């Protein structure tokens, strides 16, 4: 959905083993983040 996005944004995620977080837990929040920032013409390649 990059469309006519003018900027790219590549944040990093980090979690500690044993913290209660798994990488699978991060997928849904990351997708919603990408959709919200798309309003401003910001695309997240990775």
ModelCIF file with pLDDT and N, C-alpha, C, O atoms, coordinates in Angstrom:
data_MODEL
#
_entry.id   MODEL 
#
_entity.id                         1 
_entity.type                       polymer 
_entity.pdbx_number_of_molecules   1 
#
_entity_poly.entity_id                      1 
_entity_poly.type                           'polypeptide(L)' 
_entity_poly.nstd_linkage                   no 
_entity_poly.nstd_monomer                   no 
_entity_poly.pdbx_seq_one_letter_code       
;(UNK)(UNK)(UNK)(UNK)(UNK)(UNK)(UNK)(UNK)(UNK)(UNK)(UNK)(UNK)(UNK)(UNK)(UNK)(UNK)
(UNK)(UNK)(UNK)(UNK)(UNK)(UNK)(UNK)(UNK)(UNK)(UNK)(UNK)(UNK)(UNK)(UNK)(UNK)(UNK)
(UNK)(UNK)(UNK)(UNK)(UNK)(UNK)(UNK)(UNK)(UNK)(UNK)(UNK)(UNK)(UNK)(UNK)
;
_entity_poly.pdbx_seq_one_letter_code_can   XXXXXXXXXXXXXXXXXXXXXXXXXXXXXXXXXXXXXXXXXXXXXX 
_entity_poly.pdbx_strand_id                 A 
#
loop_
_entity_poly_seq.entity_id 
_entity_poly_seq.num 
_entity_poly_seq.mon_id 
_entity_poly_seq.hetero 
1 1  UNK n 
1 2  UNK n 
1 3  UNK n 
1 4  UNK n 
1 5  UNK n 
1 6  UNK n 
1 7  UNK n 
1 8  UNK n 
1 9  UNK n 
1 10 UNK n 
1 11 UNK n 
1 12 UNK n 
1 13 UNK n 
1 14 UNK n 
1 15 UNK n 
1 16 UNK n 
1 17 UNK n 
1 18 UNK n 
1 19 UNK n 
1 20 UNK n 
1 21 UNK n 
1 22 UNK n 
1 23 UNK n 
1 24 UNK n 
1 25 UNK n 
1 26 UNK n 
1 27 UNK n 
1 28 UNK n 
1 29 UNK n 
1 30 UNK n 
1 31 UNK n 
1 32 UNK n 
1 33 UNK n 
1 34 UNK n 
1 35 UNK n 
1 36 UNK n 
1 37 UNK n 
1 38 UNK n 
1 39 UNK n 
1 40 UNK n 
1 41 UNK n 
1 42 UNK n 
1 43 UNK n 
1 44 UNK n 
1 45 UNK n 
1 46 UNK n 
#
_struct_asym.id          A 
_struct_asym.entity_id   1 
#
loop_
_ma_qa_metric.id 
_ma_qa_metric.mode 
_ma_qa_metric.name 
_ma_qa_metric.software_group_id 
_ma_qa_metric.type 
1 global pLDDT . pLDDT 
2 local  pLDDT . pLDDT 
#
_ma_qa_metric_global.metric_id      1 
_ma_qa_metric_global.metric_value   94.15 
_ma_qa_metric_global.model_id       1 
_ma_qa_metric_global.ordinal_id     1 
#
loop_
_ma_qa_metric_local.label_asym_id 
_ma_qa_metric_local.label_comp_id 
_ma_qa_metric_local.label_seq_id 
_ma_qa_metric_local.metric_id 
_ma_qa_metric_local.metric_value 
_ma_qa_metric_local.model_id 
_ma_qa_metric_local.ordinal_id 
A UNK 1  2 55.00 1 1  
A UNK 2  2 63.00 1 2  
A UNK 3  2 68.00 1 3  
A UNK 4  2 82.00 1 4  
A UNK 5  2 92.00 1 5  
A UNK 6  2 95.00 1 6  
A UNK 7  2 97.00 1 7  
A UNK 8  2 97.00 1 8  
A UNK 9  2 98.00 1 9  
A UNK 10 2 98.00 1 10 
A UNK 11 2 98.00 1 11 
A UNK 12 2 98.00 1 12 
A UNK 13 2 98.00 1 13 
A UNK 14 2 98.00 1 14 
A UNK 15 2 98.00 1 15 
A UNK 16 2 98.00 1 16 
A UNK 17 2 96.00 1 17 
A UNK 18 2 95.00 1 18 
A UNK 19 2 97.00 1 19 
A UNK 20 2 96.00 1 20 
A UNK 21 2 98.00 1 21 
A UNK 22 2 96.00 1 22 
A UNK 23 2 95.00 1 23 
A UNK 24 2 96.00 1 24 
A UNK 25 2 97.00 1 25 
A UNK 26 2 98.00 1 26 
A UNK 27 2 98.00 1 27 
A UNK 28 2 97.00 1 28 
A UNK 29 2 98.00 1 29 
A UNK 30 2 98.00 1 30 
A UNK 31 2 97.00 1 31 
A UNK 32 2 97.00 1 32 
A UNK 33 2 98.00 1 33 
A UNK 34 2 97.00 1 34 
A UNK 35 2 95.00 1 35 
A UNK 36 2 97.00 1 36 
A UNK 37 2 97.00 1 37 
A UNK 38 2 96.00 1 38 
A UNK 39 2 95.00 1 39 
A UNK 40 2 97.00 1 40 
A UNK 41 2 96.00 1 41 
A UNK 42 2 97.00 1 42 
A UNK 43 2 96.00 1 43 
A UNK 44 2 96.00 1 44 
A UNK 45 2 95.00 1 45 
A UNK 46 2 97.00 1 46 
#
loop_
_atom_site.group_PDB 
_atom_site.id 
_atom_site.type_symbol 
_atom_site.label_atom_id 
_atom_site.label_alt_id 
_atom_site.label_comp_id 
_atom_site.label_asym_id 
_atom_site.label_entity_id 
_atom_site.label_seq_id 
_atom_site.pdbx_PDB_ins_code 
_atom_site.Cartn_x 
_atom_site.Cartn_y 
_atom_site.Cartn_z 
_atom_site.occupancy 
_atom_site.B_iso_or_equiv 
_atom_site.pdbx_formal_charge 
_atom_site.auth_seq_id 
_atom_site.auth_comp_id 
_atom_site.auth_asym_id 
_atom_site.auth_atom_id 
_atom_site.pdbx_PDB_model_num 
ATOM 1   N N  . UNK A 1 1  ? 0.808  -1.211  0.000  1.00 55.00 ? 1  UNK A N  1 
ATOM 2   C CA . UNK A 1 1  ? 0.000  0.000   0.000  1.00 55.00 ? 1  UNK A CA 1 
ATOM 3   C C  . UNK A 1 1  ? 0.842  1.262   0.000  1.00 55.00 ? 1  UNK A C  1 
ATOM 4   O O  . UNK A 1 1  ? 0.392  2.294   0.499  1.00 55.00 ? 1  UNK A O  1 
ATOM 5   N N  . UNK A 1 2  ? 2.035  1.213   -0.538 1.00 63.00 ? 2  UNK A N  1 
ATOM 6   C CA . UNK A 1 2  ? 2.887  2.398   -0.535 1.00 63.00 ? 2  UNK A CA 1 
ATOM 7   C C  . UNK A 1 2  ? 2.242  3.535   -1.304 1.00 63.00 ? 2  UNK A C  1 
ATOM 8   O O  . UNK A 1 2  ? 2.323  4.694   -0.896 1.00 63.00 ? 2  UNK A O  1 
ATOM 9   N N  . UNK A 1 3  ? 1.596  3.205   -2.423 1.00 68.00 ? 3  UNK A N  1 
ATOM 10  C CA . UNK A 1 3  ? 0.906  4.232   -3.197 1.00 68.00 ? 3  UNK A CA 1 
ATOM 11  C C  . UNK A 1 3  ? 1.821  5.395   -3.512 1.00 68.00 ? 3  UNK A C  1 
ATOM 12  O O  . UNK A 1 3  ? 2.929  5.219   -4.018 1.00 68.00 ? 3  UNK A O  1 
ATOM 13  N N  . UNK A 1 4  ? 1.337  6.589   -3.204 1.00 82.00 ? 4  UNK A N  1 
ATOM 14  C CA . UNK A 1 4  ? 2.137  7.781   -3.454 1.00 82.00 ? 4  UNK A CA 1 
ATOM 15  C C  . UNK A 1 4  ? 2.832  8.276   -2.190 1.00 82.00 ? 4  UNK A C  1 
ATOM 16  O O  . UNK A 1 4  ? 3.077  9.474   -2.044 1.00 82.00 ? 4  UNK A O  1 
ATOM 17  N N  . UNK A 1 5  ? 3.151  7.352   -1.267 1.00 92.00 ? 5  UNK A N  1 
ATOM 18  C CA . UNK A 1 5  ? 3.856  7.725   -0.035 1.00 92.00 ? 5  UNK A CA 1 
ATOM 19  C C  . UNK A 1 5  ? 5.154  8.451   -0.364 1.00 92.00 ? 5  UNK A C  1 
ATOM 20  O O  . UNK A 1 5  ? 5.886  8.065   -1.275 1.00 92.00 ? 5  UNK A O  1 
ATOM 21  N N  . UNK A 1 6  ? 5.424  9.501   0.388  1.00 95.00 ? 6  UNK A N  1 
ATOM 22  C CA . UNK A 1 6  ? 6.612  10.316  0.118  1.00 95.00 ? 6  UNK A CA 1 
ATOM 23  C C  . UNK A 1 6  ? 7.776  9.998   1.053  1.00 95.00 ? 6  UNK A C  1 
ATOM 24  O O  . UNK A 1 6  ? 8.908  10.398  0.780  1.00 95.00 ? 6  UNK A O  1 
ATOM 25  N N  . UNK A 1 7  ? 7.516  9.281   2.163  1.00 97.00 ? 7  UNK A N  1 
ATOM 26  C CA . UNK A 1 7  ? 8.567  9.010   3.145  1.00 97.00 ? 7  UNK A CA 1 
ATOM 27  C C  . UNK A 1 7  ? 8.549  7.538   3.529  1.00 97.00 ? 7  UNK A C  1 
ATOM 28  O O  . UNK A 1 7  ? 7.517  6.872   3.460  1.00 97.00 ? 7  UNK A O  1 
ATOM 29  N N  . UNK A 1 8  ? 9.707  7.049   3.933  1.00 97.00 ? 8  UNK A N  1 
ATOM 30  C CA . UNK A 1 8  ? 9.809  5.707   4.496  1.00 97.00 ? 8  UNK A CA 1 
ATOM 31  C C  . UNK A 1 8  ? 10.253 5.814   5.952  1.00 97.00 ? 8  UNK A C  1 
ATOM 32  O O  . UNK A 1 8  ? 10.942 6.750   6.359  1.00 97.00 ? 8  UNK A O  1 
ATOM 33  N N  . UNK A 1 9  ? 9.829  4.821   6.704  1.00 98.00 ? 9  UNK A N  1 
ATOM 34  C CA . UNK A 1 9  ? 10.086 4.804   8.158  1.00 98.00 ? 9  UNK A CA 1 
ATOM 35  C C  . UNK A 1 9  ? 10.421 3.377   8.543  1.00 98.00 ? 9  UNK A C  1 
ATOM 36  O O  . UNK A 1 9  ? 9.648  2.459   8.269  1.00 98.00 ? 9  UNK A O  1 
ATOM 37  N N  . UNK A 1 10 ? 11.575 3.181   9.181  1.00 98.00 ? 10 UNK A N  1 
ATOM 38  C CA . UNK A 1 10 ? 12.019 1.837   9.542  1.00 98.00 ? 10 UNK A CA 1 
ATOM 39  C C  . UNK A 1 10 ? 12.415 1.785   11.023 1.00 98.00 ? 10 UNK A C  1 
ATOM 40  O O  . UNK A 1 10 ? 13.602 1.810   11.347 1.00 98.00 ? 10 UNK A O  1 
ATOM 41  N N  . UNK A 1 11 ? 11.420 1.712   11.924 1.00 98.00 ? 11 UNK A N  1 
ATOM 42  C CA . UNK A 1 11 ? 11.755 1.588   13.352 1.00 98.00 ? 11 UNK A CA 1 
ATOM 43  C C  . UNK A 1 11 ? 12.284 0.191   13.659 1.00 98.00 ? 11 UNK A C  1 
ATOM 44  O O  . UNK A 1 11 ? 12.106 -0.744  12.878 1.00 98.00 ? 11 UNK A O  1 
ATOM 45  N N  . UNK A 1 12 ? 12.938 0.071   14.813 1.00 98.00 ? 12 UNK A N  1 
ATOM 46  C CA . UNK A 1 12 ? 13.404 -1.225  15.314 1.00 98.00 ? 12 UNK A CA 1 
ATOM 47  C C  . UNK A 1 12 ? 12.537 -1.639  16.497 1.00 98.00 ? 12 UNK A C  1 
ATOM 48  O O  . UNK A 1 12 ? 12.093 -0.797  17.277 1.00 98.00 ? 12 UNK A O  1 
ATOM 49  N N  . UNK A 1 13 ? 12.300 -2.940  16.623 1.00 98.00 ? 13 UNK A N  1 
ATOM 50  C CA . UNK A 1 13 ? 11.616 -3.504  17.774 1.00 98.00 ? 13 UNK A CA 1 
ATOM 51  C C  . UNK A 1 13 ? 12.619 -4.359  18.549 1.00 98.00 ? 13 UNK A C  1 
ATOM 52  O O  . UNK A 1 13 ? 13.511 -4.968  17.958 1.00 98.00 ? 13 UNK A O  1 
ATOM 53  N N  . UNK A 1 14 ? 12.468 -4.399  19.878 1.00 98.00 ? 14 UNK A N  1 
ATOM 54  C CA . UNK A 1 14 ? 13.334 -5.243  20.703 1.00 98.00 ? 14 UNK A CA 1 
ATOM 55  C C  . UNK A 1 14 ? 12.542 -5.767  21.892 1.00 98.00 ? 14 UNK A C  1 
ATOM 56  O O  . UNK A 1 14 ? 11.728 -5.050  22.473 1.00 98.00 ? 14 UNK A O  1 
ATOM 57  N N  . UNK A 1 15 ? 12.784 -7.017  22.246 1.00 98.00 ? 15 UNK A N  1 
ATOM 58  C CA . UNK A 1 15 ? 12.160 -7.592  23.432 1.00 98.00 ? 15 UNK A CA 1 
ATOM 59  C C  . UNK A 1 15 ? 13.116 -8.616  24.028 1.00 98.00 ? 15 UNK A C  1 
ATOM 60  O O  . UNK A 1 15 ? 13.929 -9.205  23.317 1.00 98.00 ? 15 UNK A O  1 
ATOM 61  N N  . UNK A 1 16 ? 13.013 -8.824  25.334 1.00 98.00 ? 16 UNK A N  1 
ATOM 62  C CA . UNK A 1 16 ? 13.860 -9.796  26.023 1.00 98.00 ? 16 UNK A CA 1 
ATOM 63  C C  . UNK A 1 16 ? 13.164 -11.146 26.111 1.00 98.00 ? 16 UNK A C  1 
ATOM 64  O O  . UNK A 1 16 ? 11.962 -11.236 26.364 1.00 98.00 ? 16 UNK A O  1 
ATOM 65  N N  . UNK A 1 17 ? 13.933 -12.163 25.902 1.00 96.00 ? 17 UNK A N  1 
ATOM 66  C CA . UNK A 1 17 ? 13.436 -13.527 26.087 1.00 96.00 ? 17 UNK A CA 1 
ATOM 67  C C  . UNK A 1 17 ? 12.979 -13.676 27.542 1.00 96.00 ? 17 UNK A C  1 
ATOM 68  O O  . UNK A 1 17 ? 13.713 -13.320 28.464 1.00 96.00 ? 17 UNK A O  1 
ATOM 69  N N  . UNK A 1 18 ? 11.783 -14.194 27.742 1.00 95.00 ? 18 UNK A N  1 
ATOM 70  C CA . UNK A 1 18 ? 11.247 -14.345 29.092 1.00 95.00 ? 18 UNK A CA 1 
ATOM 71  C C  . UNK A 1 18 ? 10.434 -13.159 29.557 1.00 95.00 ? 18 UNK A C  1 
ATOM 72  O O  . UNK A 1 18 ? 9.926  -13.166 30.678 1.00 95.00 ? 18 UNK A O  1 
ATOM 73  N N  . UNK A 1 19 ? 10.295 -12.130 28.721 1.00 97.00 ? 19 UNK A N  1 
ATOM 74  C CA . UNK A 1 19 ? 9.555  -10.930 29.116 1.00 97.00 ? 19 UNK A CA 1 
ATOM 75  C C  . UNK A 1 19 ? 8.048  -11.085 28.958 1.00 97.00 ? 19 UNK A C  1 
ATOM 76  O O  . UNK A 1 19 ? 7.281  -10.238 29.416 1.00 97.00 ? 19 UNK A O  1 
ATOM 77  N N  . UNK A 1 20 ? 7.623  -12.173 28.306 1.00 96.00 ? 20 UNK A N  1 
ATOM 78  C CA . UNK A 1 20 ? 6.201  -12.343 28.010 1.00 96.00 ? 20 UNK A CA 1 
ATOM 79  C C  . UNK A 1 20 ? 5.858  -11.946 26.592 1.00 96.00 ? 20 UNK A C  1 
ATOM 80  O O  . UNK A 1 20 ? 4.740  -12.191 26.139 1.00 96.00 ? 20 UNK A O  1 
ATOM 81  N N  . UNK A 1 21 ? 6.795  -11.335 25.879 1.00 98.00 ? 21 UNK A N  1 
ATOM 82  C CA . UNK A 1 21 ? 6.583  -10.971 24.484 1.00 98.00 ? 21 UNK A CA 1 
ATOM 83  C C  . UNK A 1 21 ? 7.195  -12.033 23.570 1.00 98.00 ? 21 UNK A C  1 
ATOM 84  O O  . UNK A 1 21 ? 8.250  -12.593 23.868 1.00 98.00 ? 21 UNK A O  1 
ATOM 85  N N  . UNK A 1 22 ? 6.517  -12.299 22.458 1.00 96.00 ? 22 UNK A N  1 
ATOM 86  C CA . UNK A 1 22 ? 7.029  -13.135 21.380 1.00 96.00 ? 22 UNK A CA 1 
ATOM 87  C C  . UNK A 1 22 ? 6.960  -12.317 20.094 1.00 96.00 ? 22 UNK A C  1 
ATOM 88  O O  . UNK A 1 22 ? 6.192  -11.359 20.002 1.00 96.00 ? 22 UNK A O  1 
ATOM 89  N N  . UNK A 1 23 ? 7.760  -12.695 19.108 1.00 95.00 ? 23 UNK A N  1 
ATOM 90  C CA . UNK A 1 23 ? 7.738  -11.903 17.878 1.00 95.00 ? 23 UNK A CA 1 
ATOM 91  C C  . UNK A 1 23 ? 6.365  -11.949 17.223 1.00 95.00 ? 23 UNK A C  1 
ATOM 92  O O  . UNK A 1 23 ? 5.978  -10.995 16.547 1.00 95.00 ? 23 UNK A O  1 
ATOM 93  N N  . UNK A 1 24 ? 5.608  -13.051 17.408 1.00 96.00 ? 24 UNK A N  1 
ATOM 94  C CA . UNK A 1 24 ? 4.266  -13.130 16.842 1.00 96.00 ? 24 UNK A CA 1 
ATOM 95  C C  . UNK A 1 24 ? 3.341  -12.065 17.431 1.00 96.00 ? 24 UNK A C  1 
ATOM 96  O O  . UNK A 1 24 ? 2.403  -11.616 16.773 1.00 96.00 ? 24 UNK A O  1 
ATOM 97  N N  . UNK A 1 25 ? 3.618  -11.662 18.687 1.00 97.00 ? 25 UNK A N  1 
ATOM 98  C CA . UNK A 1 25 ? 2.781  -10.652 19.343 1.00 97.00 ? 25 UNK A CA 1 
ATOM 99  C C  . UNK A 1 25 ? 2.931  -9.282  18.693 1.00 97.00 ? 25 UNK A C  1 
ATOM 100 O O  . UNK A 1 25 ? 2.087  -8.409  18.894 1.00 97.00 ? 25 UNK A O  1 
ATOM 101 N N  . UNK A 1 26 ? 3.984  -9.082  17.925 1.00 98.00 ? 26 UNK A N  1 
ATOM 102 C CA . UNK A 1 26 ? 4.298  -7.762  17.396 1.00 98.00 ? 26 UNK A CA 1 
ATOM 103 C C  . UNK A 1 26 ? 3.698  -7.525  16.017 1.00 98.00 ? 26 UNK A C  1 
ATOM 104 O O  . UNK A 1 26 ? 3.681  -6.394  15.533 1.00 98.00 ? 26 UNK A O  1 
ATOM 105 N N  . UNK A 1 27 ? 3.209  -8.579  15.386 1.00 98.00 ? 27 UNK A N  1 
ATOM 106 C CA . UNK A 1 27 ? 2.748  -8.446  14.009 1.00 98.00 ? 27 UNK A CA 1 
ATOM 107 C C  . UNK A 1 27 ? 1.508  -7.553  13.920 1.00 98.00 ? 27 UNK A C  1 
ATOM 108 O O  . UNK A 1 27 ? 1.490  -6.599  13.142 1.00 98.00 ? 27 UNK A O  1 
ATOM 109 N N  . UNK A 1 28 ? 0.479  -7.852  14.706 1.00 97.00 ? 28 UNK A N  1 
ATOM 110 C CA . UNK A 1 28 ? -0.773 -7.080  14.613 1.00 97.00 ? 28 UNK A CA 1 
ATOM 111 C C  . UNK A 1 28 ? -0.551 -5.608  14.966 1.00 97.00 ? 28 UNK A C  1 
ATOM 112 O O  . UNK A 1 28 ? -1.033 -4.748  14.229 1.00 97.00 ? 28 UNK A O  1 
ATOM 113 N N  . UNK A 1 29 ? 0.155  -5.270  16.060 1.00 98.00 ? 29 UNK A N  1 
ATOM 114 C CA . UNK A 1 29 ? 0.422  -3.846  16.323 1.00 98.00 ? 29 UNK A CA 1 
ATOM 115 C C  . UNK A 1 29 ? 1.214  -3.181  15.202 1.00 98.00 ? 29 UNK A C  1 
ATOM 116 O O  . UNK A 1 29 ? 0.969  -2.020  14.875 1.00 98.00 ? 29 UNK A O  1 
ATOM 117 N N  . UNK A 1 30 ? 2.171  -3.916  14.605 1.00 98.00 ? 30 UNK A N  1 
ATOM 118 C CA . UNK A 1 30 ? 2.966  -3.326  13.525 1.00 98.00 ? 30 UNK A CA 1 
ATOM 119 C C  . UNK A 1 30 ? 2.099  -3.022  12.311 1.00 98.00 ? 30 UNK A C  1 
ATOM 120 O O  . UNK A 1 30 ? 2.282  -1.991  11.663 1.00 98.00 ? 30 UNK A O  1 
ATOM 121 N N  . UNK A 1 31 ? 1.160  -3.905  11.997 1.00 97.00 ? 31 UNK A N  1 
ATOM 122 C CA . UNK A 1 31 ? 0.266  -3.666  10.860 1.00 97.00 ? 31 UNK A CA 1 
ATOM 123 C C  . UNK A 1 31 ? -0.611 -2.437  11.098 1.00 97.00 ? 31 UNK A C  1 
ATOM 124 O O  . UNK A 1 31 ? -0.823 -1.632  10.191 1.00 97.00 ? 31 UNK A O  1 
ATOM 125 N N  . UNK A 1 32 ? -1.117 -2.299  12.321 1.00 97.00 ? 32 UNK A N  1 
ATOM 126 C CA . UNK A 1 32 ? -1.964 -1.142  12.605 1.00 97.00 ? 32 UNK A CA 1 
ATOM 127 C C  . UNK A 1 32 ? -1.144 0.141   12.577 1.00 97.00 ? 32 UNK A C  1 
ATOM 128 O O  . UNK A 1 32 ? -1.624 1.179   12.123 1.00 97.00 ? 32 UNK A O  1 
ATOM 129 N N  . UNK A 1 33 ? 0.089  0.070   13.061 1.00 98.00 ? 33 UNK A N  1 
ATOM 130 C CA . UNK A 1 33 ? 0.993  1.217   12.978 1.00 98.00 ? 33 UNK A CA 1 
ATOM 131 C C  . UNK A 1 33 ? 1.175  1.633   11.525 1.00 98.00 ? 33 UNK A C  1 
ATOM 132 O O  . UNK A 1 33 ? 1.079  2.817   11.201 1.00 98.00 ? 33 UNK A O  1 
ATOM 133 N N  . UNK A 1 34 ? 1.438  0.662   10.645 1.00 97.00 ? 34 UNK A N  1 
ATOM 134 C CA . UNK A 1 34 ? 1.655  0.964   9.231  1.00 97.00 ? 34 UNK A CA 1 
ATOM 135 C C  . UNK A 1 34 ? 0.429  1.627   8.622  1.00 97.00 ? 34 UNK A C  1 
ATOM 136 O O  . UNK A 1 34 ? 0.557  2.587   7.861  1.00 97.00 ? 34 UNK A O  1 
ATOM 137 N N  . UNK A 1 35 ? -0.760 1.123   8.948  1.00 95.00 ? 35 UNK A N  1 
ATOM 138 C CA . UNK A 1 35 ? -1.986 1.681   8.387  1.00 95.00 ? 35 UNK A CA 1 
ATOM 139 C C  . UNK A 1 35 ? -2.227 3.106   8.863  1.00 95.00 ? 35 UNK A C  1 
ATOM 140 O O  . UNK A 1 35 ? -2.680 3.944   8.083  1.00 95.00 ? 35 UNK A O  1 
ATOM 141 N N  . UNK A 1 36 ? -1.932 3.397   10.123 1.00 97.00 ? 36 UNK A N  1 
ATOM 142 C CA . UNK A 1 36 ? -2.168 4.738   10.663 1.00 97.00 ? 36 UNK A CA 1 
ATOM 143 C C  . UNK A 1 36 ? -1.198 5.742   10.061 1.00 97.00 ? 36 UNK A C  1 
ATOM 144 O O  . UNK A 1 36 ? -1.609 6.843   9.692  1.00 97.00 ? 36 UNK A O  1 
ATOM 145 N N  . UNK A 1 37 ? 0.075  5.392   9.952  1.00 97.00 ? 37 UNK A N  1 
ATOM 146 C CA . UNK A 1 37 ? 1.057  6.326   9.408  1.00 97.00 ? 37 UNK A CA 1 
ATOM 147 C C  . UNK A 1 37 ? 0.856  6.561   7.920  1.00 97.00 ? 37 UNK A C  1 
ATOM 148 O O  . UNK A 1 37 ? 1.293  7.580   7.386  1.00 97.00 ? 37 UNK A O  1 
ATOM 149 N N  . UNK A 1 38 ? 0.196  5.625   7.248  1.00 96.00 ? 38 UNK A N  1 
ATOM 150 C CA . UNK A 1 38 ? -0.061 5.805   5.812  1.00 96.00 ? 38 UNK A CA 1 
ATOM 151 C C  . UNK A 1 38 ? -0.898 7.057   5.543  1.00 96.00 ? 38 UNK A C  1 
ATOM 152 O O  . UNK A 1 38 ? -0.834 7.618   4.448  1.00 96.00 ? 38 UNK A O  1 
ATOM 153 N N  . UNK A 1 39 ? -1.690 7.505   6.541  1.00 95.00 ? 39 UNK A N  1 
ATOM 154 C CA . UNK A 1 39 ? -2.467 8.737   6.372  1.00 95.00 ? 39 UNK A CA 1 
ATOM 155 C C  . UNK A 1 39 ? -1.583 9.927   6.038  1.00 95.00 ? 39 UNK A C  1 
ATOM 156 O O  . UNK A 1 39 ? -2.004 10.858  5.351  1.00 95.00 ? 39 UNK A O  1 
ATOM 157 N N  . UNK A 1 40 ? -0.352 9.882   6.532  1.00 97.00 ? 40 UNK A N  1 
ATOM 158 C CA . UNK A 1 40 ? 0.575  10.999  6.365  1.00 97.00 ? 40 UNK A CA 1 
ATOM 159 C C  . UNK A 1 40 ? 1.568  10.760  5.234  1.00 97.00 ? 40 UNK A C  1 
ATOM 160 O O  . UNK A 1 40 ? 2.565  11.474  5.124  1.00 97.00 ? 40 UNK A O  1 
ATOM 161 N N  . UNK A 1 41 ? 1.309  9.777   4.406  1.00 96.00 ? 41 UNK A N  1 
ATOM 162 C CA . UNK A 1 41 ? 2.225  9.491   3.316  1.00 96.00 ? 41 UNK A CA 1 
ATOM 163 C C  . UNK A 1 41 ? 3.512  8.851   3.780  1.00 96.00 ? 41 UNK A C  1 
ATOM 164 O O  . UNK A 1 41 ? 4.557  9.052   3.161  1.00 96.00 ? 41 UNK A O  1 
ATOM 165 N N  . UNK A 1 42 ? 3.462  8.082   4.858  1.00 97.00 ? 42 UNK A N  1 
ATOM 166 C CA . UNK A 1 42 ? 4.635  7.401   5.406  1.00 97.00 ? 42 UNK A CA 1 
ATOM 167 C C  . UNK A 1 42 ? 4.475  5.907   5.168  1.00 97.00 ? 42 UNK A C  1 
ATOM 168 O O  . UNK A 1 42 ? 3.453  5.318   5.523  1.00 97.00 ? 42 UNK A O  1 
ATOM 169 N N  . UNK A 1 43 ? 5.486  5.301   4.567  1.00 96.00 ? 43 UNK A N  1 
ATOM 170 C CA . UNK A 1 43 ? 5.468  3.877   4.257  1.00 96.00 ? 43 UNK A CA 1 
ATOM 171 C C  . UNK A 1 43 ? 6.557  3.176   5.053  1.00 96.00 ? 43 UNK A C  1 
ATOM 172 O O  . UNK A 1 43 ? 7.634  3.733   5.261  1.00 96.00 ? 43 UNK A O  1 
ATOM 173 N N  . UNK A 1 44 ? 6.281  1.959   5.498  1.00 96.00 ? 44 UNK A N  1 
ATOM 174 C CA . UNK A 1 44 ? 7.236  1.188   6.296  1.00 96.00 ? 44 UNK A CA 1 
ATOM 175 C C  . UNK A 1 44 ? 7.687  -0.030  5.490  1.00 96.00 ? 44 UNK A C  1 
ATOM 176 O O  . UNK A 1 44 ? 6.970  -1.030  5.444  1.00 96.00 ? 44 UNK A O  1 
ATOM 177 N N  . UNK A 1 45 ? 8.857  0.033   4.857  1.00 95.00 ? 45 UNK A N  1 
ATOM 178 C CA . UNK A 1 45 ? 9.332  -1.127  4.091  1.00 95.00 ? 45 UNK A CA 1 
ATOM 179 C C  . UNK A 1 45 ? 9.637  -2.328  4.967  1.00 95.00 ? 45 UNK A C  1 
ATOM 180 O O  . UNK A 1 45 ? 9.471  -3.468  4.532  1.00 95.00 ? 45 UNK A O  1 
ATOM 181 N N  . UNK A 1 46 ? 10.084 -2.091  6.200  1.00 97.00 ? 46 UNK A N  1 
ATOM 182 C CA . UNK A 1 46 ? 10.417 -3.204  7.086  1.00 97.00 ? 46 UNK A CA 1 
ATOM 183 C C  . UNK A 1 46 ? 10.582 -2.701  8.516  1.00 97.00 ? 46 UNK A C  1 
ATOM 184 O O  . UNK A 1 46 ? 10.865 -3.488  9.419  1.00 97.00 ? 46 UNK A O  1 
#
